[in-house]
């Protein structure tokens, strides 16, 4: 083999190794347990909705203090946006995603 051909083969192998290094070795399961979906619909979603409503009330009460300290966005995210995202944007049956909100 010529030196040029060895370089091409080595370059191809290196590119292939680096491109395959970013591929996940396992994929997440798209199958969700029906019991988790039922528990989410019956218990978790209503609880998140109640948390959104109660958080909104606390946010309105805390708004003057948050305005003076300059932390309105942090208070809104913690008290209203997080519970609202957990209620309305989270995939059905994905209970583990509650930790992120």
C-alpha atoms as a PDB file:
ATOM      1  CA  UNK A   1       0.000   0.000   0.000  1.00  0.00           C
ATOM      2  CA  UNK A   2       1.121   3.446  -0.676  1.00  0.00           C
ATOM      3  CA  UNK A   3       1.594   6.068   1.975  1.00  0.00           C
ATOM      4  CA  UNK A   4      -1.252   8.138   0.515  1.00  0.00           C
ATOM      5  CA  UNK A   5      -3.674   5.221   0.734  1.00  0.00           C
ATOM      6  CA  UNK A   6      -2.672   4.521   4.352  1.00  0.00           C
ATOM      7  CA  UNK A   7      -3.362   8.154   5.216  1.00  0.00           C
ATOM      8  CA  UNK A   8      -6.808   7.983   3.624  1.00  0.00           C
ATOM      9  CA  UNK A   9      -7.661   4.808   5.503  1.00  0.00           C
ATOM     10  CA  UNK A  10      -6.427   6.235   8.814  1.00  0.00           C
ATOM     11  CA  UNK A  11      -8.329   9.470   8.211  1.00  0.00           C
ATOM     12  CA  UNK A  12     -11.521   7.540   7.419  1.00  0.00           C
ATOM     13  CA  UNK A  13     -11.142   5.392  10.524  1.00  0.00           C
ATOM     14  CA  UNK A  14     -10.531   8.454  12.728  1.00  0.00           C
ATOM     15  CA  UNK A  15     -13.531  10.312  11.320  1.00  0.00           C
ATOM     16  CA  UNK A  16     -15.699   7.221  11.769  1.00  0.00           C
ATOM     17  CA  UNK A  17     -14.553   6.701  15.378  1.00  0.00           C
ATOM     18  CA  UNK A  18     -15.128  10.341  16.323  1.00  0.00           C
ATOM     19  CA  UNK A  19     -18.520  10.476  14.652  1.00  0.00           C
ATOM     20  CA  UNK A  20     -19.695   7.259  16.331  1.00  0.00           C
ATOM     21  CA  UNK A  21     -18.481   8.407  19.757  1.00  0.00           C
ATOM     22  CA  UNK A  22     -21.434  10.790  20.074  1.00  0.00           C
ATOM     23  CA  UNK A  23     -24.103   8.137  19.566  1.00  0.00           C
ATOM     24  CA  UNK A  24     -25.986   6.981  22.663  1.00  0.00           C
ATOM     25  CA  UNK A  25     -25.514   3.348  23.460  1.00  0.00           C
ATOM     26  CA  UNK A  26     -29.116   2.926  24.594  1.00  0.00           C
ATOM     27  CA  UNK A  27     -32.329   4.692  23.785  1.00  0.00           C
ATOM     28  CA  UNK A  28     -35.088   5.615  26.191  1.00  0.00           C
ATOM     29  CA  UNK A  29     -38.188   3.523  26.198  1.00  0.00           C
ATOM     30  CA  UNK A  30     -41.197   5.211  24.655  1.00  0.00           C
ATOM     31  CA  UNK A  31     -43.573   2.763  26.328  1.00  0.00           C
ATOM     32  CA  UNK A  32     -45.169   4.221  29.449  1.00  0.00           C
ATOM     33  CA  UNK A  33     -46.878   2.097  32.051  1.00  0.00           C
ATOM     34  CA  UNK A  34     -50.682   2.575  31.975  1.00  0.00           C
ATOM     35  CA  UNK A  35     -50.744   2.669  35.781  1.00  0.00           C
ATOM     36  CA  UNK A  36     -48.345   5.629  35.726  1.00  0.00           C
ATOM     37  CA  UNK A  37     -50.547   7.438  33.208  1.00  0.00           C
ATOM     38  CA  UNK A  38     -53.631   6.793  35.334  1.00  0.00           C
ATOM     39  CA  UNK A  39     -51.869   7.971  38.495  1.00  0.00           C
ATOM     40  CA  UNK A  40     -50.662  11.043  36.647  1.00  0.00           C
ATOM     41  CA  UNK A  41     -54.142  11.942  35.423  1.00  0.00           C
ATOM     42  CA  UNK A  42     -55.969  11.186  38.679  1.00  0.00           C
ATOM     43  CA  UNK A  43     -53.484  12.358  41.330  1.00  0.00           C
ATOM     44  CA  UNK A  44     -50.418  14.189  40.046  1.00  0.00           C
ATOM     45  CA  UNK A  45     -51.931  16.599  37.482  1.00  0.00           C
ATOM     46  CA  UNK A  46     -54.640  17.874  39.864  1.00  0.00           C
ATOM     47  CA  UNK A  47     -52.013  18.281  42.594  1.00  0.00           C
ATOM     48  CA  UNK A  48     -49.811  20.252  40.200  1.00  0.00           C
ATOM     49  CA  UNK A  49     -52.784  22.416  39.223  1.00  0.00           C
ATOM     50  CA  UNK A  50     -53.493  23.138  42.901  1.00  0.00           C
ATOM     51  CA  UNK A  51     -49.786  23.930  43.394  1.00  0.00           C
ATOM     52  CA  UNK A  52     -49.966  26.362  40.447  1.00  0.00           C
ATOM     53  CA  UNK A  53     -53.001  28.133  41.932  1.00  0.00           C
ATOM     54  CA  UNK A  54     -51.533  28.300  45.448  1.00  0.00           C
ATOM     55  CA  UNK A  55     -48.169  29.405  44.041  1.00  0.00           C
ATOM     56  CA  UNK A  56     -49.919  32.179  42.121  1.00  0.00           C
ATOM     57  CA  UNK A  57     -51.552  33.412  45.326  1.00  0.00           C
ATOM     58  CA  UNK A  58     -48.223  33.347  47.181  1.00  0.00           C
ATOM     59  CA  UNK A  59     -46.569  35.127  44.245  1.00  0.00           C
ATOM     60  CA  UNK A  60     -49.097  37.965  44.393  1.00  0.00           C
ATOM     61  CA  UNK A  61     -48.579  38.257  48.158  1.00  0.00           C
ATOM     62  CA  UNK A  62     -44.782  38.188  47.779  1.00  0.00           C
ATOM     63  CA  UNK A  63     -44.706  40.526  44.768  1.00  0.00           C
ATOM     64  CA  UNK A  64     -43.942  43.739  46.715  1.00  0.00           C
ATOM     65  CA  UNK A  65     -40.995  42.110  48.476  1.00  0.00           C
ATOM     66  CA  UNK A  66     -39.771  40.522  45.245  1.00  0.00           C
ATOM     67  CA  UNK A  67     -40.028  43.869  43.457  1.00  0.00           C
ATOM     68  CA  UNK A  68     -37.935  45.658  46.039  1.00  0.00           C
ATOM     69  CA  UNK A  69     -35.281  42.943  46.021  1.00  0.00           C
ATOM     70  CA  UNK A  70     -35.251  42.633  42.218  1.00  0.00           C
ATOM     71  CA  UNK A  71     -36.139  38.956  42.237  1.00  0.00           C
ATOM     72  CA  UNK A  72     -39.514  38.979  40.496  1.00  0.00           C
ATOM     73  CA  UNK A  73     -38.409  36.529  37.793  1.00  0.00           C
ATOM     74  CA  UNK A  74     -36.964  34.038  40.309  1.00  0.00           C
ATOM     75  CA  UNK A  75     -40.117  34.207  42.420  1.00  0.00           C
ATOM     76  CA  UNK A  76     -42.336  33.777  39.359  1.00  0.00           C
ATOM     77  CA  UNK A  77     -40.320  30.803  38.127  1.00  0.00           C
ATOM     78  CA  UNK A  78     -40.387  29.077  41.506  1.00  0.00           C
ATOM     79  CA  UNK A  79     -43.991  29.757  42.462  1.00  0.00           C
ATOM     80  CA  UNK A  80     -45.911  29.866  39.163  1.00  0.00           C
ATOM     81  CA  UNK A  81     -43.945  28.829  36.071  1.00  0.00           C
ATOM     82  CA  UNK A  82     -42.473  25.601  37.487  1.00  0.00           C
ATOM     83  CA  UNK A  83     -45.780  24.165  38.707  1.00  0.00           C
ATOM     84  CA  UNK A  84     -47.559  25.342  35.538  1.00  0.00           C
ATOM     85  CA  UNK A  85     -44.984  23.595  33.342  1.00  0.00           C
ATOM     86  CA  UNK A  86     -45.336  20.451  35.444  1.00  0.00           C
ATOM     87  CA  UNK A  87     -49.098  20.636  34.969  1.00  0.00           C
ATOM     88  CA  UNK A  88     -49.433  21.525  31.297  1.00  0.00           C
ATOM     89  CA  UNK A  89     -46.152  20.855  29.444  1.00  0.00           C
ATOM     90  CA  UNK A  90     -44.899  17.620  31.005  1.00  0.00           C
ATOM     91  CA  UNK A  91     -45.548  14.457  28.952  1.00  0.00           C
ATOM     92  CA  UNK A  92     -48.373  12.328  30.299  1.00  0.00           C
ATOM     93  CA  UNK A  93     -47.087   9.603  32.624  1.00  0.00           C
ATOM     94  CA  UNK A  94     -43.591  11.097  32.935  1.00  0.00           C
ATOM     95  CA  UNK A  95     -43.470  11.312  36.724  1.00  0.00           C
ATOM     96  CA  UNK A  96     -39.661  11.460  36.768  1.00  0.00           C
ATOM     97  CA  UNK A  97     -39.766  14.831  34.966  1.00  0.00           C
ATOM     98  CA  UNK A  98     -41.313  16.404  38.075  1.00  0.00           C
ATOM     99  CA  UNK A  99     -37.834  16.632  39.574  1.00  0.00           C
ATOM    100  CA  UNK A 100     -36.810  19.028  36.784  1.00  0.00           C
ATOM    101  CA  UNK A 101     -39.690  21.407  37.463  1.00  0.00           C
END
